[in-house]
PDB file of N, CA and C in Angstrom:
ATOM      1  N   MET A   1       0.820  -1.204   0.000  1.00  0.00           N
ATOM      2  CA  MET A   1       0.000   0.000   0.000  1.00  0.00           C
ATOM      3  C   MET A   1       0.863   1.266   0.000  1.00  0.00           C
ATOM      4  N   LEU A   2       1.893   1.261   0.843  1.00  0.00           N
ATOM      5  CA  LEU A   2       2.791   2.413   0.912  1.00  0.00           C
ATOM      6  C   LEU A   2       3.536   2.584  -0.412  1.00  0.00           C
ATOM      7  N   ARG A   3       3.902   1.484  -1.033  1.00  0.00           N
ATOM      8  CA  ARG A   3       4.604   1.549  -2.319  1.00  0.00           C
ATOM      9  C   ARG A   3       3.706   2.177  -3.393  1.00  0.00           C
ATOM     10  N   ASN A   4       2.426   1.811  -3.414  1.00  0.00           N
ATOM     11  CA  ASN A   4       1.487   2.373  -4.381  1.00  0.00           C
ATOM     12  C   ASN A   4       1.313   3.876  -4.167  1.00  0.00           C
ATOM     13  N   MET A   5       1.221   4.318  -2.913  1.00  0.00           N
ATOM     14  CA  MET A   5       1.076   5.745  -2.603  1.00  0.00           C
ATOM     15  C   MET A   5       2.319   6.512  -3.040  1.00  0.00           C
ATOM     16  N   THR A   6       3.504   5.927  -2.783  1.00  0.00           N
ATOM     17  CA  THR A   6       4.767   6.561  -3.161  1.00  0.00           C
ATOM     18  C   THR A   6       4.848   6.709  -4.676  1.00  0.00           C
ATOM     19  N   LYS A   7       4.463   5.680  -5.406  1.00  0.00           N
ATOM     20  CA  LYS A   7       4.469   5.739  -6.872  1.00  0.00           C
ATOM     21  C   LYS A   7       3.513   6.812  -7.372  1.00  0.00           C
ATOM     22  N   THR A   8       2.328   6.898  -6.790  1.00  0.00           N
ATOM     23  CA  THR A   8       1.329   7.873  -7.212  1.00  0.00           C
ATOM     24  C   THR A   8       1.811   9.298  -6.952  1.00  0.00           C
ATOM     25  N   VAL A   9       2.320   9.547  -5.756  1.00  0.00           N
ATOM     26  CA  VAL A   9       2.813  10.890  -5.414  1.00  0.00           C
ATOM     27  C   VAL A   9       4.017  11.244  -6.277  1.00  0.00           C
ATOM     28  N   GLY A  10       4.925  10.297  -6.477  1.00  0.00           N
ATOM     29  CA  GLY A  10       6.095  10.542  -7.322  1.00  0.00           C
ATOM     30  C   GLY A  10       5.712  10.853  -8.756  1.00  0.00           C
ATOM     31  N   SER A  11       4.752  10.115  -9.286  1.00  0.00           N
ATOM     32  CA  SER A  11       4.279  10.366 -10.656  1.00  0.00           C
ATOM     33  C   SER A  11       3.609  11.736 -10.754  1.00  0.00           C
ATOM     34  N   ALA A  12       2.846  12.105  -9.747  1.00  0.00           N
ATOM     35  CA  ALA A  12       2.177  13.406  -9.756  1.00  0.00           C
ATOM     36  C   ALA A  12       3.193  14.542  -9.728  1.00  0.00           C
ATOM     37  N   ILE A  13       4.227  14.427  -8.926  1.00  0.00           N
ATOM     38  CA  ILE A  13       5.273  15.455  -8.853  1.00  0.00           C
ATOM     39  C   ILE A  13       6.027  15.532 -10.173  1.00  0.00           C
ATOM     40  N   ALA A  14       6.343  14.394 -10.783  1.00  0.00           N
ATOM     41  CA  ALA A  14       7.033  14.385 -12.072  1.00  0.00           C
ATOM     42  C   ALA A  14       6.184  15.054 -13.149  1.00  0.00           C
ATOM     43  N   ALA A  15       4.891  14.759 -13.171  1.00  0.00           N
ATOM     44  CA  ALA A  15       3.994  15.375 -14.150  1.00  0.00           C
ATOM     45  C   ALA A  15       3.903  16.878 -13.921  1.00  0.00           C
ATOM     46  N   LEU A  16       3.838  17.303 -12.671  1.00  0.00           N
ATOM     47  CA  LEU A  16       3.775  18.724 -12.343  1.00  0.00           C
ATOM     48  C   LEU A  16       5.031  19.453 -12.807  1.00  0.00           C
ATOM     49  N   CYS A  17       6.189  18.828 -12.607  1.00  0.00           N
ATOM     50  CA  CYS A  17       7.452  19.423 -13.067  1.00  0.00           C
ATOM     51  C   CYS A  17       7.479  19.549 -14.583  1.00  0.00           C
ATOM     52  N   LEU A  18       7.021  18.551 -15.292  1.00  0.00           N
ATOM     53  CA  LEU A  18       6.988  18.583 -16.749  1.00  0.00           C
ATOM     54  C   LEU A  18       6.064  19.687 -17.251  1.00  0.00           C
ATOM     55  N   VAL A  19       4.877  19.781 -16.676  1.00  0.00           N
ATOM     56  CA  VAL A  19       3.921  20.798 -17.089  1.00  0.00           C
ATOM     57  C   VAL A  19       4.442  22.194 -16.792  1.00  0.00           C
ATOM     58  N   SER A  20       5.059  22.399 -15.634  1.00  0.00           N
ATOM     59  CA  SER A  20       5.578  23.727 -15.301  1.00  0.00           C
ATOM     60  C   SER A  20       6.739  24.106 -16.220  1.00  0.00           C
ATOM     61  N   THR A  21       7.572  23.139 -16.602  1.00  0.00           N
ATOM     62  CA  THR A  21       8.662  23.410 -17.538  1.00  0.00           C
ATOM     63  C   THR A  21       8.112  23.837 -18.894  1.00  0.00           C
ATOM     64  N   LEU A  22       7.095  23.152 -19.369  1.00  0.00           N
ATOM     65  CA  LEU A  22       6.492  23.517 -20.650  1.00  0.00           C
ATOM     66  C   LEU A  22       5.812  24.873 -20.580  1.00  0.00           C
ATOM     67  N   ALA A  23       5.193  25.181 -19.446  1.00  0.00           N
ATOM     68  CA  ALA A  23       4.533  26.482 -19.302  1.00  0.00           C
ATOM     69  C   ALA A  23       5.553  27.609 -19.313  1.00  0.00           C
ATOM     70  N   MET A  24       6.708  27.415 -18.699  1.00  0.00           N
ATOM     71  CA  MET A  24       7.745  28.446 -18.672  1.00  0.00           C
ATOM     72  C   MET A  24       8.381  28.625 -20.041  1.00  0.00           C
ATOM     73  N   ALA A  25       8.352  27.602 -20.878  1.00  0.00           N
ATOM     74  CA  ALA A  25       8.974  27.667 -22.196  1.00  0.00           C
ATOM     75  C   ALA A  25       8.110  28.414 -23.217  1.00  0.00           C
ATOM     76  N   GLN A  26       6.868  28.703 -22.874  1.00  0.00           N
ATOM     77  CA  GLN A  26       5.975  29.400 -23.796  1.00  0.00           C
ATOM     78  C   GLN A  26       6.443  30.836 -23.984  1.00  0.00           C
ATOM     79  N   PRO A  27       6.339  31.393 -25.208  1.00  0.00           N
ATOM     80  CA  PRO A  27       6.720  32.798 -25.406  1.00  0.00           C
ATOM     81  C   PRO A  27       5.792  33.700 -24.600  1.00  0.00           C
ATOM     82  N   GLN A  28       6.374  34.714 -23.983  1.00  0.00           N
ATOM     83  CA  GLN A  28       5.595  35.610 -23.146  1.00  0.00           C
ATOM     84  C   GLN A  28       5.420  36.938 -23.850  1.00  0.00           C
ATOM     85  N   SER A  29       4.208  37.467 -23.800  1.00  0.00           N
ATOM     86  CA  SER A  29       3.952  38.770 -24.404  1.00  0.00           C
ATOM     87  C   SER A  29       4.379  39.862 -23.435  1.00  0.00           C
ATOM     88  N   PRO A  30       4.844  41.020 -23.939  1.00  0.00           N
ATOM     89  CA  PRO A  30       5.240  42.107 -23.046  1.00  0.00           C
ATOM     90  C   PRO A  30       4.041  42.649 -22.273  1.00  0.00           C
ATOM     91  N   SER A  31       4.300  43.220 -21.104  1.00  0.00           N
ATOM     92  CA  SER A  31       3.211  43.721 -20.265  1.00  0.00           C
ATOM     93  C   SER A  31       2.452  44.858 -20.943  1.00  0.00           C
ATOM     94  N   GLN A  32       3.148  45.676 -21.713  1.00  0.00           N
ATOM     95  CA  GLN A  32       2.484  46.714 -22.493  1.00  0.00           C
ATOM     96  C   GLN A  32       3.151  46.742 -23.852  1.00  0.00           C
ATOM     97  N   PRO A  33       2.442  46.354 -24.900  1.00  0.00           N
ATOM     98  CA  PRO A  33       3.072  46.328 -26.215  1.00  0.00           C
ATOM     99  C   PRO A  33       3.461  47.732 -26.660  1.00  0.00           C
ATOM    100  N   MET A  34       4.663  47.835 -27.161  1.00  0.00           N
ATOM    101  CA  MET A  34       5.134  49.104 -27.695  1.00  0.00           C
ATOM    102  C   MET A  34       4.673  49.216 -29.151  1.00  0.00           C
ATOM    103  N   THR A  35       4.608  50.427 -29.654  1.00  0.00           N
ATOM    104  CA  THR A  35       4.162  50.627 -31.019  1.00  0.00           C
ATOM    105  C   THR A  35       5.228  50.110 -31.985  1.00  0.00           C
ATOM    106  N   GLN A  36       4.780  49.563 -33.102  1.00  0.00           N
ATOM    107  CA  GLN A  36       5.690  49.051 -34.117  1.00  0.00           C
ATOM    108  C   GLN A  36       6.403  50.222 -34.772  1.00  0.00           C
ATOM    109  N   GLN A  37       7.704  50.107 -34.961  1.00  0.00           N
ATOM    110  CA  GLN A  37       8.489  51.182 -35.548  1.00  0.00           C
ATOM    111  C   GLN A  37       8.828  50.824 -36.988  1.00  0.00           C
ATOM    112  N   HIS A  38       8.696  51.792 -37.868  1.00  0.00           N
ATOM    113  CA  HIS A  38       9.002  51.578 -39.278  1.00  0.00           C
ATOM    114  C   HIS A  38       9.916  52.692 -39.768  1.00  0.00           C
ATOM    115  N   GLY A  39      10.982  52.331 -40.463  1.00  0.00           N
ATOM    116  CA  GLY A  39      11.854  53.294 -41.116  1.00  0.00           C
ATOM    117  C   GLY A  39      12.389  54.374 -40.193  1.00  0.00           C
ATOM    118  N   ASN A  40      12.501  55.597 -40.724  1.00  0.00           N
ATOM    119  CA  ASN A  40      12.949  56.782 -40.002  1.00  0.00           C
ATOM    120  C   ASN A  40      14.287  56.585 -39.293  1.00  0.00           C
ATOM    121  N   THR A  41      15.254  55.959 -39.956  1.00  0.00           N
ATOM    122  CA  THR A  41      16.559  55.826 -39.328  1.00  0.00           C
ATOM    123  C   THR A  41      17.419  57.014 -39.724  1.00  0.00           C
ATOM    124  N   THR A  42      18.268  57.429 -38.813  1.00  0.00           N
ATOM    125  CA  THR A  42      19.184  58.525 -39.067  1.00  0.00           C
ATOM    126  C   THR A  42      20.588  57.941 -39.116  1.00  0.00           C
ATOM    127  N   PRO A  43      21.361  58.210 -40.166  1.00  0.00           N
ATOM    128  CA  PRO A  43      22.685  57.603 -40.277  1.00  0.00           C
ATOM    129  C   PRO A  43      23.600  57.927 -39.095  1.00  0.00           C
ATOM    130  N   GLN A  44      23.511  59.142 -38.547  1.00  0.00           N
ATOM    131  CA  GLN A  44      24.387  59.521 -37.445  1.00  0.00           C
ATOM    132  C   GLN A  44      24.073  58.734 -36.179  1.00  0.00           C
ATOM    133  N   GLN A  45      22.814  58.479 -35.933  1.00  0.00           N
ATOM    134  CA  GLN A  45      22.426  57.817 -34.699  1.00  0.00           C
ATOM    135  C   GLN A  45      22.410  56.311 -34.838  1.00  0.00           C
ATOM    136  N   GLY A  46      22.048  55.799 -36.002  1.00  0.00           N
ATOM    137  CA  GLY A  46      22.064  54.373 -36.242  1.00  0.00           C
ATOM    138  C   GLY A  46      20.908  53.620 -35.613  1.00  0.00           C
ATOM    139  N   HIS A  47      19.886  54.306 -35.135  1.00  0.00           N
ATOM    140  CA  HIS A  47      18.716  53.632 -34.589  1.00  0.00           C
ATOM    141  C   HIS A  47      17.464  54.399 -34.978  1.00  0.00           C
ATOM    142  N   ARG A  48      16.335  53.771 -34.770  1.00  0.00           N
ATOM    143  CA  ARG A  48      15.060  54.338 -35.200  1.00  0.00           C
ATOM    144  C   ARG A  48      14.587  55.455 -34.299  1.00  0.00           C
ATOM    145  N   GLN A  49      13.884  56.392 -34.908  1.00  0.00           N
ATOM    146  CA  GLN A  49      13.233  57.456 -34.169  1.00  0.00           C
ATOM    147  C   GLN A  49      11.753  57.136 -34.093  1.00  0.00           C
ATOM    148  N   ASP A  50      11.176  57.155 -32.920  1.00  0.00           N
ATOM    149  CA  ASP A  50       9.767  56.856 -32.743  1.00  0.00           C
ATOM    150  C   ASP A  50       8.968  58.142 -32.919  1.00  0.00           C
ATOM    151  N   ALA A  51       7.965  58.100 -33.789  1.00  0.00           N
ATOM    152  CA  ALA A  51       7.144  59.276 -34.030  1.00  0.00           C
ATOM    153  C   ALA A  51       6.233  59.567 -32.846  1.00  0.00           C
ATOM    154  N   ASN A  52       5.892  58.563 -32.042  1.00  0.00           N
ATOM    155  CA  ASN A  52       5.011  58.729 -30.892  1.00  0.00           C
ATOM    156  C   ASN A  52       5.726  58.315 -29.616  1.00  0.00           C
ATOM    157  N   PRO A  53       6.476  59.229 -29.002  1.00  0.00           N
ATOM    158  CA  PRO A  53       7.170  58.854 -27.765  1.00  0.00           C
ATOM    159  C   PRO A  53       6.196  58.624 -26.616  1.00  0.00           C
ATOM    160  N   LEU A  54       6.615  57.813 -25.660  1.00  0.00           N
ATOM    161  CA  LEU A  54       5.806  57.520 -24.484  1.00  0.00           C
ATOM    162  C   LEU A  54       6.078  58.562 -23.407  1.00  0.00           C
ATOM    163  N   LEU A  55       5.050  58.931 -22.665  1.00  0.00           N
ATOM    164  CA  LEU A  55       5.198  59.841 -21.542  1.00  0.00           C
ATOM    165  C   LEU A  55       5.086  59.017 -20.269  1.00  0.00           C
ATOM    166  N   LEU A  56       6.218  58.843 -19.560  1.00  0.00           N
ATOM    167  CA  LEU A  56       6.273  58.014 -18.361  1.00  0.00           C
ATOM    168  C   LEU A  56       6.762  58.834 -17.174  1.00  0.00           C
ATOM    169  N   THR A  57       6.483  58.344 -15.971  1.00  0.00           N
ATOM    170  CA  THR A  57       6.949  58.980 -14.745  1.00  0.00           C
ATOM    171  C   THR A  57       7.988  58.080 -14.098  1.00  0.00           C
ATOM    172  N   CYS A  58       9.143  58.645 -13.760  1.00  0.00           N
ATOM    173  CA  CYS A  58      10.214  57.872 -13.131  1.00  0.00           C
ATOM    174  C   CYS A  58       9.751  57.393 -11.759  1.00  0.00           C
ATOM    175  N   SER A  59       9.803  56.087 -11.544  1.00  0.00           N
ATOM    176  CA  SER A  59       9.380  55.534 -10.262  1.00  0.00           C
ATOM    177  C   SER A  59      10.569  55.122  -9.391  1.00  0.00           C
ATOM    178  N   ARG A  60      11.763  54.989  -9.989  1.00  0.00           N
ATOM    179  CA  ARG A  60      12.939  54.589  -9.217  1.00  0.00           C
ATOM    180  C   ARG A  60      14.197  55.078  -9.915  1.00  0.00           C
ATOM    181  N   ASP A  61      15.089  55.728  -9.168  1.00  0.00           N
ATOM    182  CA  ASP A  61      16.389  56.109  -9.738  1.00  0.00           C
ATOM    183  C   ASP A  61      17.499  55.424  -8.940  1.00  0.00           C
ATOM    184  N   ASN A  62      18.710  55.484  -9.488  1.00  0.00           N
ATOM    185  CA  ASN A  62      19.833  54.789  -8.849  1.00  0.00           C
ATOM    186  C   ASN A  62      20.596  55.671  -7.868  1.00  0.00           C
ATOM    187  N   GLY A  63      20.113  56.867  -7.585  1.00  0.00           N
ATOM    188  CA  GLY A  63      20.783  57.776  -6.663  1.00  0.00           C
ATOM    189  C   GLY A  63      21.869  58.603  -7.305  1.00  0.00           C
ATOM    190  N   LYS A  64      22.130  58.373  -8.589  1.00  0.00           N
ATOM    191  CA  LYS A  64      23.152  59.118  -9.320  1.00  0.00           C
ATOM    192  C   LYS A  64      22.546  59.917 -10.465  1.00  0.00           C
ATOM    193  N   GLY A  65      21.233  60.150 -10.403  1.00  0.00           N
ATOM    194  CA  GLY A  65      20.567  60.936 -11.437  1.00  0.00           C
ATOM    195  C   GLY A  65      20.190  60.147 -12.671  1.00  0.00           C
ATOM    196  N   VAL A  66      20.093  58.828 -12.557  1.00  0.00           N
ATOM    197  CA  VAL A  66      19.696  57.990 -13.684  1.00  0.00           C
ATOM    198  C   VAL A  66      18.451  57.213 -13.280  1.00  0.00           C
ATOM    199  N   CYS A  67      17.370  57.419 -14.018  1.00  0.00           N
ATOM    200  CA  CYS A  67      16.130  56.702 -13.755  1.00  0.00           C
ATOM    201  C   CYS A  67      16.266  55.280 -14.293  1.00  0.00           C
ATOM    202  N   VAL A  68      15.897  54.299 -13.473  1.00  0.00           N
ATOM    203  CA  VAL A  68      16.038  52.901 -13.890  1.00  0.00           C
ATOM    204  C   VAL A  68      14.693  52.195 -14.038  1.00  0.00           C
ATOM    205  N   ALA A  69      13.613  52.799 -13.525  1.00  0.00           N
ATOM    206  CA  ALA A  69      12.273  52.213 -13.666  1.00  0.00           C
ATOM    207  C   ALA A  69      11.269  53.338 -13.800  1.00  0.00           C
ATOM    208  N   ALA A  70      10.274  53.139 -14.667  1.00  0.00           N
ATOM    209  CA  ALA A  70       9.261  54.156 -14.906  1.00  0.00           C
ATOM    210  C   ALA A  70       7.888  53.521 -14.935  1.00  0.00           C
ATOM    211  N   ARG A  71       6.891  54.336 -14.651  1.00  0.00           N
ATOM    212  CA  ARG A  71       5.509  53.859 -14.612  1.00  0.00           C
ATOM    213  C   ARG A  71       4.705  54.661 -15.626  1.00  0.00           C
ATOM    214  N   GLY A  72       3.863  53.948 -16.397  1.00  0.00           N
ATOM    215  CA  GLY A  72       2.996  54.587 -17.372  1.00  0.00           C
ATOM    216  C   GLY A  72       1.698  55.046 -16.741  1.00  0.00           C
ATOM    217  N   SER A  73       0.830  55.651 -17.537  1.00  0.00           N
ATOM    218  CA  SER A  73      -0.453  56.149 -17.036  1.00  0.00           C
ATOM    219  C   SER A  73      -1.359  55.009 -16.584  1.00  0.00           C
ATOM    220  N   ASP A  74      -1.111  53.794 -17.109  1.00  0.00           N
ATOM    221  CA  ASP A  74      -1.908  52.631 -16.704  1.00  0.00           C
ATOM    222  C   ASP A  74      -1.374  51.966 -15.442  1.00  0.00           C
ATOM    223  N   GLY A  75      -0.249  52.447 -14.905  1.00  0.00           N
ATOM    224  CA  GLY A  75       0.310  51.922 -13.672  1.00  0.00           C
ATOM    225  C   GLY A  75       1.321  50.809 -13.864  1.00  0.00           C
ATOM    226  N   LYS A  76       1.559  50.380 -15.088  1.00  0.00           N
ATOM    227  CA  LYS A  76       2.525  49.311 -15.337  1.00  0.00           C
ATOM    228  C   LYS A  76       3.940  49.887 -15.318  1.00  0.00           C
ATOM    229  N   GLU A  77       4.877  49.104 -14.755  1.00  0.00           N
ATOM    230  CA  GLU A  77       6.244  49.573 -14.606  1.00  0.00           C
ATOM    231  C   GLU A  77       7.143  48.986 -15.686  1.00  0.00           C
ATOM    232  N   PHE A  78       8.099  49.807 -16.165  1.00  0.00           N
ATOM    233  CA  PHE A  78       9.036  49.418 -17.211  1.00  0.00           C
ATOM    234  C   PHE A  78      10.454  49.644 -16.718  1.00  0.00           C
ATOM    235  N   VAL A  79      11.385  48.859 -17.218  1.00  0.00           N
ATOM    236  CA  VAL A  79      12.801  49.112 -16.993  1.00  0.00           C
ATOM    237  C   VAL A  79      13.235  50.102 -18.062  1.00  0.00           C
ATOM    238  N   VAL A  80      13.868  51.203 -17.647  1.00  0.00           N
ATOM    239  CA  VAL A  80      14.253  52.257 -18.584  1.00  0.00           C
ATOM    240  C   VAL A  80      15.678  52.708 -18.312  1.00  0.00           C
ATOM    241  N   ASN A  81      16.185  53.533 -19.220  1.00  0.00           N
ATOM    242  CA  ASN A  81      17.476  54.200 -19.053  1.00  0.00           C
ATOM    243  C   ASN A  81      17.204  55.688 -19.206  1.00  0.00           C
ATOM    244  N   GLY A  82      17.115  56.403 -18.087  1.00  0.00           N
ATOM    245  CA  GLY A  82      16.801  57.832 -18.122  1.00  0.00           C
ATOM    246  C   GLY A  82      17.914  58.665 -17.541  1.00  0.00           C
ATOM    247  N   GLU A  83      18.839  59.128 -18.388  1.00  0.00           N
ATOM    248  CA  GLU A  83      19.956  59.965 -17.950  1.00  0.00           C
ATOM    249  C   GLU A  83      19.444  61.323 -17.500  1.00  0.00           C
ATOM    250  N   GLY A  84      19.895  61.767 -16.335  1.00  0.00           N
ATOM    251  CA  GLY A  84      19.545  63.089 -15.825  1.00  0.00           C
ATOM    252  C   GLY A  84      18.118  63.193 -15.318  1.00  0.00           C
ATOM    253  N   VAL A  85      17.514  62.076 -14.924  1.00  0.00           N
ATOM    254  CA  VAL A  85      16.127  62.074 -14.451  1.00  0.00           C
ATOM    255  C   VAL A  85      16.085  61.426 -13.069  1.00  0.00           C
ATOM    256  N   LYS A  86      15.420  62.092 -12.128  1.00  0.00           N
ATOM    257  CA  LYS A  86      15.285  61.542 -10.775  1.00  0.00           C
ATOM    258  C   LYS A  86      13.867  61.049 -10.556  1.00  0.00           C
ATOM    259  N   SER A  87      13.674  60.288  -9.502  1.00  0.00           N
ATOM    260  CA  SER A  87      12.382  59.706  -9.174  1.00  0.00           C
ATOM    261  C   SER A  87      11.307  60.774  -9.042  1.00  0.00           C
ATOM    262  N   GLY A  88      10.138  60.537  -9.648  1.00  0.00           N
ATOM    263  CA  GLY A  88       9.013  61.463  -9.611  1.00  0.00           C
ATOM    264  C   GLY A  88       8.934  62.383 -10.814  1.00  0.00           C
ATOM    265  N   ALA A  89       9.987  62.463 -11.607  1.00  0.00           N
ATOM    266  CA  ALA A  89      10.007  63.353 -12.768  1.00  0.00           C
ATOM    267  C   ALA A  89       9.301  62.712 -13.963  1.00  0.00           C
ATOM    268  N   THR A  90       8.702  63.540 -14.796  1.00  0.00           N
ATOM    269  CA  THR A  90       8.051  63.074 -16.020  1.00  0.00           C
ATOM    270  C   THR A  90       9.087  63.017 -17.134  1.00  0.00           C
ATOM    271  N   MET A  91       9.019  61.947 -17.942  1.00  0.00           N
ATOM    272  CA  MET A  91      10.001  61.744 -19.003  1.00  0.00           C
ATOM    273  C   MET A  91       9.330  61.431 -20.328  1.00  0.00           C
ATOM    274  N   THR A  92      10.030  61.748 -21.399  1.00  0.00           N
ATOM    275  CA  THR A  92       9.632  61.350 -22.742  1.00  0.00           C
ATOM    276  C   THR A  92      10.513  60.164 -23.108  1.00  0.00           C
ATOM    277  N   CYS A  93       9.896  59.019 -23.408  1.00  0.00           N
ATOM    278  CA  CYS A  93      10.657  57.788 -23.641  1.00  0.00           C
ATOM    279  C   CYS A  93      10.406  57.226 -25.033  1.00  0.00           C
ATOM    280  N   VAL A  94      11.444  56.584 -25.566  1.00  0.00           N
ATOM    281  CA  VAL A  94      11.373  55.954 -26.885  1.00  0.00           C
ATOM    282  C   VAL A  94      11.852  54.515 -26.746  1.00  0.00           C
ATOM    283  N   ASP A  95      11.062  53.573 -27.254  1.00  0.00           N
ATOM    284  CA  ASP A  95      11.436  52.163 -27.238  1.00  0.00           C
ATOM    285  C   ASP A  95      12.380  51.896 -28.397  1.00  0.00           C
ATOM    286  N   ARG A  96      13.615  51.512 -28.092  1.00  0.00           N
ATOM    287  CA  ARG A  96      14.626  51.238 -29.117  1.00  0.00           C
ATOM    288  C   ARG A  96      14.733  49.751 -29.428  1.00  0.00           C
ATOM    289  N   GLY A  97      13.827  48.957 -28.918  1.00  0.00           N
ATOM    290  CA  GLY A  97      13.858  47.518 -29.150  1.00  0.00           C
ATOM    291  C   GLY A  97      14.415  46.793 -27.950  1.00  0.00           C
ATOM    292  N   SER A  98      15.709  46.953 -27.676  1.00  0.00           N
ATOM    293  CA  SER A  98      16.317  46.268 -26.540  1.00  0.00           C
ATOM    294  C   SER A  98      16.369  47.136 -25.290  1.00  0.00           C
ATOM    295  N   VAL A  99      16.141  48.436 -25.442  1.00  0.00           N
ATOM    296  CA  VAL A  99      16.181  49.353 -24.310  1.00  0.00           C
ATOM    297  C   VAL A  99      15.171  50.482 -24.524  1.00  0.00           C
ATOM    298  N   VAL A 100      14.627  50.994 -23.420  1.00  0.00           N
ATOM    299  CA  VAL A 100      13.718  52.145 -23.494  1.00  0.00           C
ATOM    300  C   VAL A 100      14.515  53.348 -23.010  1.00  0.00           C
ATOM    301  N   ASP A 101      14.855  54.269 -23.918  1.00  0.00           N
ATOM    302  CA  ASP A 101      15.617  55.466 -23.589  1.00  0.00           C
ATOM    303  C   ASP A 101      14.680  56.595 -23.215  1.00  0.00           C
ATOM    304  N   CYS A 102      15.007  57.320 -22.149  1.00  0.00           N
ATOM    305  CA  CYS A 102      14.160  58.419 -21.672  1.00  0.00           C
ATOM    306  C   CYS A 102      14.970  59.688 -21.496  1.00  0.00           C
ATOM    307  N   LYS A 103      14.281  60.807 -21.709  1.00  0.00           N
ATOM    308  CA  LYS A 103      14.860  62.127 -21.483  1.00  0.00           C
ATOM    309  C   LYS A 103      13.853  62.923 -20.681  1.00  0.00           C
ATOM    310  N   PRO A 104      14.314  63.919 -19.918  1.00  0.00           N
ATOM    311  CA  PRO A 104      13.364  64.738 -19.166  1.00  0.00           C
ATOM    312  C   PRO A 104      12.345  65.388 -20.105  1.00  0.00           C
ATOM    313  N   ALA A 105      11.079  65.386 -19.702  1.00  0.00           N
ATOM    314  CA  ALA A 105      10.035  66.002 -20.534  1.00  0.00           C
ATOM    315  C   ALA A 105      10.226  67.507 -20.521  1.00  0.00           C
ATOM    316  N   SER A 106      10.003  68.106 -21.659  1.00  0.00           N
ATOM    317  CA  SER A 106      10.173  69.570 -21.739  1.00  0.00           C
ATOM    318  C   SER A 106       8.879  70.304 -21.563  1.00  0.00           C
TER     319      SER A 106
END
């Protein structure tokens, strides 16, 4: 009887591990989709210019004047690179694909 219970519990744990591994392997959608960027590259900069920048509020800085996390109007938080921006400041941000660059809003 104990052997049957051990086999059942062991099989259940193995199945749970397999299912959780497959669930983690699924592609994940971003928390807030950024707008698709087309063309508008500048040879000097080498990256795209977004026609519709995002307006975000810095929610966390590193203490050296660089914002590292920002919150949108919907309350979702993003990892950003905001040079010269401290916590609580409003920023204009552009999604560059691998990084979200921010500048102080004017």
